[in-house]
Amino acid sequence: MLLAGTVQVQAQTTPAPQDNPDAPERTADNEDRIVCKRFQKIGSLVASYKTCKTVREWRRERDNIRTNRGGGACGGTAETGMCGGS
């Protein structure tokens, strides 16, 4: 009985975590938060690898891919869908 009373006192004295939506570490778009993604290794049905980056790094990489799309040997063929311009 004494043990149960002690546990109850500890539970009452332990502060409950505050749900503060303005806390920077809890925001959904925290630029320094680490996000890990798992990718399938090309040429294998089983092998995969995991890459961890900050939200800022993932966003920068996505923006670079979007910006550089169409800059290859057949760049700018999105309208015609053909390499060679015809």
N, C-alpha and C. Protein backbone atom coordinates (compact mmCIF):
# COMPACT_ATOMS: atom_id res chain seq x y z
N MET A 1 0.82 -1.19 0.00
CA MET A 1 0.00 0.00 0.00
C MET A 1 0.87 1.25 0.00
N LEU A 2 1.93 1.22 0.76
CA LEU A 2 2.83 2.36 0.82
C LEU A 2 3.49 2.58 -0.54
N LEU A 3 3.85 1.52 -1.21
CA LEU A 3 4.49 1.62 -2.52
C LEU A 3 3.54 2.28 -3.53
N ALA A 4 2.29 1.89 -3.51
CA ALA A 4 1.32 2.49 -4.44
C ALA A 4 1.16 3.97 -4.16
N GLY A 5 1.19 4.37 -2.91
CA GLY A 5 1.09 5.78 -2.56
C GLY A 5 2.29 6.56 -3.04
N THR A 6 3.47 5.97 -2.98
CA THR A 6 4.69 6.62 -3.44
C THR A 6 4.65 6.83 -4.95
N VAL A 7 4.21 5.83 -5.66
CA VAL A 7 4.11 5.93 -7.11
C VAL A 7 3.11 7.01 -7.49
N GLN A 8 2.03 7.08 -6.76
CA GLN A 8 1.01 8.09 -7.05
C GLN A 8 1.56 9.49 -6.83
N VAL A 9 2.35 9.68 -5.78
CA VAL A 9 2.95 10.99 -5.51
C VAL A 9 3.92 11.35 -6.62
N GLN A 10 4.72 10.39 -7.08
CA GLN A 10 5.66 10.66 -8.17
C GLN A 10 4.91 11.04 -9.44
N ALA A 11 3.83 10.37 -9.70
CA ALA A 11 3.06 10.68 -10.91
C ALA A 11 2.47 12.08 -10.83
N GLN A 12 2.11 12.51 -9.63
CA GLN A 12 1.53 13.83 -9.48
C GLN A 12 2.58 14.93 -9.55
N THR A 13 3.81 14.65 -9.10
CA THR A 13 4.84 15.68 -9.09
C THR A 13 5.56 15.79 -10.43
N THR A 14 5.46 14.78 -11.27
CA THR A 14 6.10 14.85 -12.58
C THR A 14 5.27 15.75 -13.49
N PRO A 15 5.86 16.83 -14.02
CA PRO A 15 5.08 17.73 -14.86
C PRO A 15 4.69 17.07 -16.18
N ALA A 16 3.50 17.31 -16.60
CA ALA A 16 3.02 16.79 -17.88
C ALA A 16 3.65 17.60 -19.01
N PRO A 17 4.00 16.96 -20.12
CA PRO A 17 4.56 17.71 -21.25
C PRO A 17 3.54 18.71 -21.78
N GLN A 18 4.01 19.90 -22.05
CA GLN A 18 3.13 20.96 -22.54
C GLN A 18 3.00 20.86 -24.06
N ASP A 19 1.80 20.97 -24.55
CA ASP A 19 1.56 20.98 -25.99
C ASP A 19 1.54 22.42 -26.46
N ASN A 20 2.71 22.94 -26.78
CA ASN A 20 2.84 24.32 -27.21
C ASN A 20 3.04 24.32 -28.73
N PRO A 21 2.05 24.74 -29.50
CA PRO A 21 2.20 24.71 -30.95
C PRO A 21 3.26 25.68 -31.48
N ASP A 22 3.68 26.65 -30.65
CA ASP A 22 4.67 27.62 -31.10
C ASP A 22 6.10 27.18 -30.83
N ALA A 23 6.29 26.02 -30.21
CA ALA A 23 7.64 25.56 -29.91
C ALA A 23 8.36 25.23 -31.21
N PRO A 24 9.56 25.79 -31.44
CA PRO A 24 10.24 25.59 -32.72
C PRO A 24 10.61 24.14 -33.00
N GLU A 25 10.91 23.34 -31.96
CA GLU A 25 11.30 21.97 -32.21
C GLU A 25 10.12 21.07 -32.54
N ARG A 26 8.91 21.56 -32.39
CA ARG A 26 7.74 20.75 -32.66
C ARG A 26 7.04 21.16 -33.95
N THR A 27 7.50 22.17 -34.63
CA THR A 27 6.83 22.60 -35.85
C THR A 27 7.08 21.60 -36.97
N ALA A 28 6.14 21.49 -37.87
CA ALA A 28 6.22 20.51 -38.94
C ALA A 28 7.32 20.85 -39.95
N ASP A 29 7.65 22.11 -40.11
CA ASP A 29 8.63 22.50 -41.12
C ASP A 29 9.95 22.93 -40.51
N ASN A 30 10.35 22.33 -39.41
CA ASN A 30 11.62 22.65 -38.77
C ASN A 30 12.75 22.28 -39.73
N GLU A 31 13.51 23.25 -40.16
CA GLU A 31 14.54 23.06 -41.18
C GLU A 31 15.69 22.16 -40.71
N ASP A 32 15.92 22.06 -39.41
CA ASP A 32 17.05 21.28 -38.90
C ASP A 32 16.65 19.88 -38.45
N ARG A 33 15.40 19.51 -38.63
CA ARG A 33 14.94 18.18 -38.23
C ARG A 33 15.52 17.15 -39.20
N ILE A 34 16.01 16.04 -38.67
CA ILE A 34 16.59 14.98 -39.49
C ILE A 34 15.47 14.06 -39.98
N VAL A 35 15.48 13.78 -41.28
CA VAL A 35 14.52 12.87 -41.89
C VAL A 35 15.30 11.79 -42.62
N CYS A 36 15.00 10.53 -42.31
CA CYS A 36 15.67 9.41 -42.97
C CYS A 36 14.70 8.77 -43.97
N LYS A 37 15.22 8.47 -45.15
CA LYS A 37 14.41 7.83 -46.19
C LYS A 37 15.14 6.58 -46.65
N ARG A 38 14.36 5.54 -46.94
CA ARG A 38 14.92 4.27 -47.42
C ARG A 38 14.69 4.19 -48.92
N PHE A 39 15.76 3.83 -49.66
CA PHE A 39 15.70 3.73 -51.11
C PHE A 39 16.06 2.31 -51.54
N GLN A 40 15.44 1.86 -52.62
CA GLN A 40 15.74 0.56 -53.20
C GLN A 40 17.00 0.70 -54.04
N LYS A 41 17.94 -0.20 -53.87
CA LYS A 41 19.17 -0.18 -54.65
C LYS A 41 18.84 -0.59 -56.09
N ILE A 42 19.34 0.15 -57.05
CA ILE A 42 19.06 -0.12 -58.46
C ILE A 42 19.68 -1.46 -58.85
N GLY A 43 18.90 -2.30 -59.52
CA GLY A 43 19.37 -3.60 -59.96
C GLY A 43 19.16 -4.71 -58.95
N SER A 44 18.52 -4.41 -57.83
CA SER A 44 18.29 -5.42 -56.81
C SER A 44 16.85 -5.35 -56.34
N LEU A 45 16.26 -6.50 -56.10
CA LEU A 45 14.90 -6.53 -55.58
C LEU A 45 14.87 -6.46 -54.06
N VAL A 46 16.00 -6.75 -53.43
CA VAL A 46 16.03 -6.86 -51.97
C VAL A 46 16.87 -5.76 -51.32
N ALA A 47 18.02 -5.47 -51.88
CA ALA A 47 18.95 -4.54 -51.25
C ALA A 47 18.41 -3.12 -51.25
N SER A 48 18.60 -2.45 -50.13
CA SER A 48 18.19 -1.06 -50.02
C SER A 48 19.19 -0.32 -49.15
N TYR A 49 19.08 0.98 -49.13
CA TYR A 49 19.95 1.80 -48.29
C TYR A 49 19.14 2.95 -47.71
N LYS A 50 19.64 3.48 -46.63
CA LYS A 50 18.95 4.57 -45.94
C LYS A 50 19.81 5.81 -45.99
N THR A 51 19.20 6.95 -46.29
CA THR A 51 19.88 8.23 -46.33
C THR A 51 19.18 9.18 -45.37
N CYS A 52 19.96 9.83 -44.51
CA CYS A 52 19.41 10.77 -43.55
C CYS A 52 19.94 12.17 -43.86
N LYS A 53 19.03 13.13 -43.94
CA LYS A 53 19.38 14.53 -44.20
C LYS A 53 18.42 15.41 -43.42
N THR A 54 18.75 16.67 -43.31
CA THR A 54 17.83 17.61 -42.67
C THR A 54 16.71 17.95 -43.65
N VAL A 55 15.64 18.51 -43.13
CA VAL A 55 14.52 18.93 -43.98
C VAL A 55 15.02 19.94 -45.01
N ARG A 56 15.92 20.82 -44.61
CA ARG A 56 16.47 21.83 -45.52
C ARG A 56 17.23 21.16 -46.67
N GLU A 57 18.03 20.13 -46.36
CA GLU A 57 18.80 19.44 -47.40
C GLU A 57 17.89 18.69 -48.37
N TRP A 58 16.85 18.00 -47.85
CA TRP A 58 15.91 17.31 -48.73
C TRP A 58 15.20 18.30 -49.64
N ARG A 59 14.79 19.45 -49.10
CA ARG A 59 14.09 20.47 -49.89
C ARG A 59 15.01 21.04 -50.96
N ARG A 60 16.27 21.32 -50.60
CA ARG A 60 17.23 21.86 -51.57
C ARG A 60 17.46 20.86 -52.70
N GLU A 61 17.60 19.57 -52.35
CA GLU A 61 17.82 18.55 -53.37
C GLU A 61 16.61 18.44 -54.30
N ARG A 62 15.40 18.47 -53.75
CA ARG A 62 14.18 18.41 -54.55
C ARG A 62 14.09 19.61 -55.49
N ASP A 63 14.41 20.80 -54.97
CA ASP A 63 14.37 22.00 -55.80
C ASP A 63 15.41 21.95 -56.91
N ASN A 64 16.61 21.42 -56.62
CA ASN A 64 17.65 21.28 -57.65
C ASN A 64 17.20 20.33 -58.75
N ILE A 65 16.56 19.23 -58.39
CA ILE A 65 16.09 18.28 -59.39
C ILE A 65 15.02 18.94 -60.27
N ARG A 66 14.11 19.68 -59.66
CA ARG A 66 13.06 20.35 -60.43
C ARG A 66 13.63 21.42 -61.35
N THR A 67 14.65 22.14 -60.87
CA THR A 67 15.26 23.20 -61.66
C THR A 67 16.05 22.64 -62.83
N ASN A 68 16.78 21.54 -62.61
CA ASN A 68 17.66 20.98 -63.63
C ASN A 68 16.96 20.01 -64.56
N ARG A 69 15.71 19.71 -64.33
CA ARG A 69 14.99 18.79 -65.20
C ARG A 69 14.88 19.43 -66.59
N GLY A 70 15.18 18.68 -67.60
CA GLY A 70 15.10 19.21 -68.95
C GLY A 70 16.41 19.81 -69.42
N GLY A 71 17.47 19.62 -68.68
CA GLY A 71 18.74 20.20 -69.08
C GLY A 71 19.71 19.19 -69.65
N GLY A 72 19.24 17.99 -69.99
CA GLY A 72 20.11 16.94 -70.50
C GLY A 72 20.31 17.04 -72.00
N ALA A 73 20.70 15.94 -72.63
CA ALA A 73 20.96 15.91 -74.06
C ALA A 73 19.70 16.21 -74.86
N CYS A 74 18.55 15.82 -74.35
CA CYS A 74 17.28 16.08 -75.02
C CYS A 74 16.46 17.06 -74.19
N GLY A 75 17.10 18.03 -73.63
CA GLY A 75 16.42 18.99 -72.77
C GLY A 75 15.38 19.79 -73.52
N GLY A 76 14.30 20.12 -72.83
CA GLY A 76 13.26 20.94 -73.44
C GLY A 76 12.34 20.17 -74.35
N THR A 77 12.26 18.85 -74.23
CA THR A 77 11.40 18.06 -75.11
C THR A 77 10.07 17.72 -74.45
N ALA A 78 9.75 18.39 -73.36
CA ALA A 78 8.50 18.08 -72.66
C ALA A 78 7.28 18.38 -73.52
N GLU A 79 7.35 19.39 -74.38
CA GLU A 79 6.20 19.75 -75.21
C GLU A 79 5.95 18.70 -76.29
N THR A 80 7.00 18.25 -76.96
CA THR A 80 6.85 17.32 -78.07
C THR A 80 6.97 15.87 -77.63
N GLY A 81 7.72 15.64 -76.55
CA GLY A 81 7.94 14.28 -76.08
C GLY A 81 8.93 13.51 -76.92
N MET A 82 9.61 14.20 -77.84
CA MET A 82 10.55 13.52 -78.73
C MET A 82 11.91 14.20 -78.65
N CYS A 83 12.95 13.41 -78.68
CA CYS A 83 14.30 13.93 -78.72
C CYS A 83 14.66 14.15 -80.19
N GLY A 84 14.99 15.34 -80.55
CA GLY A 84 15.31 15.64 -81.93
C GLY A 84 14.45 16.78 -82.46
N GLY A 85 13.39 17.12 -81.73
CA GLY A 85 12.61 18.30 -82.06
C GLY A 85 11.52 18.13 -83.10
N SER A 86 11.36 16.97 -83.73
CA SER A 86 10.33 16.82 -84.77
C SER A 86 9.00 16.49 -84.18
